[in-house]
N, C-alpha and C. Protein backbone atom coordinates (compact mmCIF):
# COMPACT_ATOMS: atom_id res chain seq x y z
N MET A 1 23.85 -27.55 22.71
CA MET A 1 23.10 -27.02 21.58
C MET A 1 21.98 -26.61 21.92
N PRO A 2 21.84 -25.11 21.16
CA PRO A 2 20.35 -24.44 21.77
C PRO A 2 19.28 -24.92 21.51
N SER A 3 18.46 -24.67 22.25
CA SER A 3 17.00 -24.99 21.83
C SER A 3 16.39 -24.70 20.70
N LYS A 4 15.31 -25.08 20.10
CA LYS A 4 14.54 -24.89 19.17
C LYS A 4 14.20 -23.20 19.26
N ASN A 5 13.82 -23.16 20.39
CA ASN A 5 13.20 -21.56 20.67
C ASN A 5 14.04 -20.61 21.09
N ASP A 6 15.63 -20.93 21.29
CA ASP A 6 16.51 -19.60 21.32
C ASP A 6 16.90 -19.18 19.92
N ILE A 7 16.66 -18.08 20.31
CA ILE A 7 16.93 -17.13 18.82
C ILE A 7 18.16 -16.26 18.67
N SER A 8 18.69 -16.50 20.08
CA SER A 8 19.90 -15.82 20.45
C SER A 8 20.94 -15.51 19.31
N SER A 9 21.20 -16.61 18.99
CA SER A 9 22.72 -17.01 17.78
C SER A 9 22.21 -16.28 16.85
N PHE A 10 20.88 -15.98 16.48
CA PHE A 10 20.37 -15.12 15.02
C PHE A 10 20.37 -13.87 15.03
N THR A 11 20.79 -13.31 16.57
CA THR A 11 20.26 -11.70 16.68
C THR A 11 21.82 -10.98 16.33
N ASN A 12 22.05 -10.00 16.27
CA ASN A 12 22.90 -9.38 16.13
C ASN A 12 23.15 -8.42 17.04
N LYS A 13 24.04 -8.60 18.02
CA LYS A 13 24.15 -7.86 19.19
C LYS A 13 25.24 -6.60 19.37
N ASN A 14 25.56 -6.39 17.93
CA ASN A 14 25.94 -4.99 17.31
C ASN A 14 25.16 -3.89 16.98
N ILE A 15 23.85 -4.28 17.07
CA ILE A 15 22.82 -3.27 16.54
C ILE A 15 22.22 -2.45 17.20
N ASN A 16 22.20 -1.32 17.41
CA ASN A 16 21.66 -0.46 18.34
C ASN A 16 20.46 -0.26 18.13
N LYS A 17 19.52 -0.49 19.24
CA LYS A 17 17.85 -0.61 18.95
C LYS A 17 17.16 0.55 18.64
N LYS A 18 18.10 1.79 18.98
CA LYS A 18 17.41 2.75 18.58
C LYS A 18 18.04 3.15 17.30
N GLU A 19 18.69 2.56 16.45
CA GLU A 19 19.12 2.98 14.96
C GLU A 19 17.74 2.44 14.45
N LYS A 20 17.54 3.28 13.21
CA LYS A 20 16.57 3.13 12.56
C LYS A 20 17.15 2.54 10.99
N ILE A 21 16.49 1.05 10.68
CA ILE A 21 17.01 0.56 9.55
C ILE A 21 15.68 1.02 8.14
N LEU A 22 16.07 1.86 7.52
CA LEU A 22 15.14 2.33 6.27
C LEU A 22 15.07 0.96 5.27
N PRO A 23 13.71 0.76 4.93
CA PRO A 23 13.72 -0.08 3.69
C PRO A 23 14.16 0.26 2.64
N THR A 24 14.69 -0.63 1.67
CA THR A 24 15.18 0.18 0.12
C THR A 24 14.19 -0.44 -0.62
N LYS A 25 13.03 -1.56 -0.28
CA LYS A 25 11.58 -1.73 -1.17
C LYS A 25 10.79 -2.10 -0.62
N GLY A 26 9.58 -1.54 -1.15
CA GLY A 26 8.09 -2.29 -0.67
C GLY A 26 7.79 -0.81 0.08
N LYS A 27 6.52 -1.18 0.91
CA LYS A 27 6.24 -0.03 1.57
C LYS A 27 7.17 0.95 2.69
N GLY A 28 7.12 2.13 2.95
CA GLY A 28 7.86 2.46 3.59
C GLY A 28 9.26 3.07 2.88
N ALA A 29 9.63 2.53 1.72
CA ALA A 29 10.89 2.79 0.84
C ALA A 29 10.68 4.33 0.26
N ASN A 30 11.63 4.78 0.50
CA ASN A 30 11.62 6.50 -0.18
C ASN A 30 10.39 7.11 0.17
N GLU A 31 9.80 7.00 1.63
CA GLU A 31 8.73 7.88 1.70
C GLU A 31 8.67 8.91 1.49
N ASN A 32 9.99 9.82 1.57
CA ASN A 32 9.66 11.27 1.49
C ASN A 32 9.42 11.94 0.14
N ALA A 33 9.67 10.93 -1.16
CA ALA A 33 9.73 11.21 -2.37
C ALA A 33 8.34 11.13 -2.51
N LYS A 34 7.52 10.57 -2.09
CA LYS A 34 6.15 10.29 -2.45
C LYS A 34 5.29 11.75 -2.40
N LYS A 35 4.33 11.80 -2.87
CA LYS A 35 3.25 13.19 -2.77
C LYS A 35 2.64 12.60 -1.69
N PRO A 36 2.49 13.70 -0.79
CA PRO A 36 1.36 13.34 0.37
C PRO A 36 0.05 12.86 -0.41
N LYS A 37 -0.75 11.94 0.41
CA LYS A 37 -2.07 11.62 0.03
C LYS A 37 -2.79 12.52 0.61
N PRO A 38 -4.03 13.05 -0.10
CA PRO A 38 -5.12 13.68 0.47
C PRO A 38 -5.85 13.11 1.60
N GLU A 39 -6.58 13.84 2.45
CA GLU A 39 -7.53 13.13 3.56
C GLU A 39 -8.77 12.30 3.01
N ARG A 40 -8.88 11.28 3.69
CA ARG A 40 -9.89 10.37 2.98
C ARG A 40 -11.16 10.28 4.19
N SER A 41 -12.11 10.18 3.59
CA SER A 41 -13.42 9.96 4.59
C SER A 41 -13.73 8.72 3.99
N PRO A 42 -14.65 8.06 5.04
CA PRO A 42 -15.21 6.80 4.52
C PRO A 42 -16.30 7.00 3.79
N LYS A 43 -16.91 6.40 2.45
CA LYS A 43 -17.93 5.99 2.02
C LYS A 43 -18.18 4.56 1.37
N THR A 44 -19.23 4.17 1.88
CA THR A 44 -19.81 2.73 1.38
C THR A 44 -20.28 2.53 0.11
N ILE A 45 -19.69 1.76 -0.93
CA ILE A 45 -20.13 1.46 -2.01
C ILE A 45 -20.36 0.03 -2.05
N ARG A 46 -21.38 -0.47 -2.74
CA ARG A 46 -21.79 -1.61 -2.83
C ARG A 46 -21.45 -2.15 -4.43
N PHE A 47 -20.76 -3.16 -4.33
CA PHE A 47 -20.14 -3.79 -5.62
C PHE A 47 -20.67 -5.04 -6.14
N ARG A 48 -20.95 -5.35 -7.23
CA ARG A 48 -21.01 -7.06 -7.50
C ARG A 48 -19.79 -7.46 -6.92
N SER A 49 -20.53 -8.86 -6.43
CA SER A 49 -19.35 -9.83 -5.90
C SER A 49 -18.36 -10.06 -6.85
N ASP A 50 -18.39 -10.43 -8.38
CA ASP A 50 -17.40 -10.68 -9.11
C ASP A 50 -16.56 -9.37 -9.38
N TYR A 51 -17.23 -7.87 -8.99
CA TYR A 51 -16.07 -6.85 -9.37
C TYR A 51 -15.34 -6.71 -8.33
N GLN A 52 -15.99 -7.30 -7.06
CA GLN A 52 -15.10 -6.65 -6.20
C GLN A 52 -14.13 -7.90 -6.02
N ARG A 53 -14.16 -9.26 -6.33
CA ARG A 53 -12.80 -10.33 -6.52
C ARG A 53 -11.98 -9.79 -7.40
N LYS A 54 -12.52 -9.09 -8.49
CA LYS A 54 -11.67 -8.56 -9.61
C LYS A 54 -10.88 -7.45 -9.07
N LEU A 55 -11.41 -6.45 -8.37
CA LEU A 55 -10.63 -5.43 -8.05
C LEU A 55 -9.47 -5.82 -6.95
N GLU A 56 -9.98 -6.68 -5.52
CA GLU A 56 -9.10 -7.25 -4.82
C GLU A 56 -8.13 -7.95 -5.78
N THR A 57 -8.14 -8.94 -6.72
CA THR A 57 -6.95 -9.38 -7.42
C THR A 57 -6.21 -8.56 -7.85
N LEU A 58 -6.70 -7.24 -8.46
CA LEU A 58 -5.92 -6.26 -9.07
C LEU A 58 -5.11 -5.79 -8.40
N ALA A 59 -5.78 -5.44 -6.96
CA ALA A 59 -4.71 -4.52 -5.98
C ALA A 59 -3.73 -5.32 -5.61
N VAL A 60 -3.73 -6.84 -5.29
CA VAL A 60 -2.79 -7.68 -4.99
C VAL A 60 -1.54 -7.57 -5.86
N ASN A 61 -2.20 -8.02 -7.20
CA ASN A 61 -1.13 -7.87 -8.34
C ASN A 61 -0.33 -6.37 -8.09
N GLU A 62 -1.10 -5.07 -8.17
CA GLU A 62 -0.31 -3.79 -8.00
C GLU A 62 0.33 -3.47 -7.01
N LYS A 63 0.33 -4.07 -5.78
CA LYS A 63 0.58 -3.54 -4.79
C LYS A 63 2.18 -4.12 -4.95
N GLY A 64 2.49 -5.20 -5.46
CA GLY A 64 4.05 -5.94 -5.68
C GLY A 64 4.86 -5.03 -6.95
N ILE A 65 3.92 -4.41 -7.92
CA ILE A 65 4.40 -3.76 -8.89
C ILE A 65 4.37 -1.88 -8.67
N SER A 66 3.23 -1.41 -8.65
CA SER A 66 3.27 0.08 -8.46
C SER A 66 3.05 0.52 -6.96
N GLY A 67 2.69 -0.43 -5.91
CA GLY A 67 2.53 -0.09 -4.72
C GLY A 67 1.21 0.35 -4.33
N LYS A 68 0.33 0.29 -5.30
CA LYS A 68 -1.18 0.97 -5.32
C LYS A 68 -1.95 -0.32 -4.78
N ASN A 69 -3.06 0.17 -3.71
CA ASN A 69 -3.92 -0.70 -2.80
C ASN A 69 -5.18 -0.63 -3.50
N VAL A 70 -6.18 -0.75 -3.08
CA VAL A 70 -7.81 -0.86 -3.41
C VAL A 70 -8.16 0.75 -3.16
N LEU A 71 -7.76 1.41 -2.47
CA LEU A 71 -8.35 2.93 -2.37
C LEU A 71 -7.67 3.79 -3.45
N ASP A 72 -6.01 3.53 -3.74
CA ASP A 72 -5.59 4.41 -4.65
C ASP A 72 -6.32 3.67 -6.01
N LEU A 73 -6.67 2.25 -6.48
CA LEU A 73 -6.94 1.81 -7.82
C LEU A 73 -8.36 2.40 -7.89
N THR A 74 -9.00 2.83 -6.64
CA THR A 74 -10.59 3.04 -6.70
C THR A 74 -10.41 4.52 -7.11
N GLU A 75 -9.55 5.39 -6.71
CA GLU A 75 -9.32 6.73 -6.52
C GLU A 75 -9.23 6.98 -7.99
N GLU A 76 -8.24 6.18 -9.00
CA GLU A 76 -7.61 6.04 -10.07
C GLU A 76 -8.96 6.12 -11.04
N ALA A 77 -9.94 5.12 -10.89
CA ALA A 77 -10.90 4.73 -11.45
C ALA A 77 -11.89 5.72 -11.53
N LEU A 78 -12.30 6.44 -10.43
CA LEU A 78 -13.25 7.57 -10.18
C LEU A 78 -12.34 8.86 -10.94
N GLU A 79 -10.96 9.07 -11.08
CA GLU A 79 -10.43 10.06 -12.05
C GLU A 79 -10.92 9.77 -13.58
N LEU A 80 -10.73 8.29 -13.76
CA LEU A 80 -10.92 8.20 -15.21
C LEU A 80 -12.57 8.17 -15.45
N LEU A 81 -13.55 8.07 -14.55
CA LEU A 81 -14.89 8.32 -14.89
C LEU A 81 -15.35 9.88 -14.90
N PHE A 82 -14.57 10.57 -13.99
CA PHE A 82 -14.65 11.95 -14.03
C PHE A 82 -14.35 12.85 -15.58
N LYS A 83 -13.43 12.52 -15.74
CA LYS A 83 -12.51 12.69 -16.95
C LYS A 83 -13.60 12.45 -18.24
N LYS A 84 -14.03 11.19 -18.28
CA LYS A 84 -15.05 10.50 -19.10
C LYS A 84 -16.28 11.55 -19.51
N TYR A 85 -16.80 11.83 -18.57
CA TYR A 85 -18.00 12.75 -18.34
C TYR A 85 -17.95 14.17 -18.18
N GLY A 86 -16.62 14.45 -18.14
CA GLY A 86 -16.19 16.15 -18.30
C GLY A 86 -16.61 16.63 -16.98
N VAL A 87 -16.09 16.05 -15.99
CA VAL A 87 -16.31 16.47 -14.54
C VAL A 87 -15.19 16.86 -13.99
N ASN A 88 -14.92 18.04 -13.63
CA ASN A 88 -13.22 18.71 -12.65
C ASN A 88 -13.29 17.93 -11.58
N ALA A 89 -12.06 16.87 -11.62
CA ALA A 89 -11.88 16.23 -10.58
C ALA A 89 -11.02 17.06 -9.73
N PRO A 90 -11.38 16.76 -8.35
CA PRO A 90 -10.13 17.58 -7.39
C PRO A 90 -8.89 17.32 -7.38
N LYS A 91 -8.02 18.08 -7.07
CA LYS A 91 -6.67 17.86 -7.58
C LYS A 91 -5.73 17.43 -6.10
């Protein structure tokens, strides 16, 4: 009987280590189909703590649905703000 730390029975010896297995779901899936994201530079923004918790909760929920993270959601919110006030948002 193998020890509980022995994982050799769980590995597939026929897999070539150089072979890349592409994910079919989640991050990394269909990376080439996504448009490239613009270069981002750091900017510190201070939020009320209740806004921050809601934003993080929203990001966790959206990550599984649309793959968007906090930065993506923040940029989306800024685009809506620019549109509301008639500012030409960069593309």
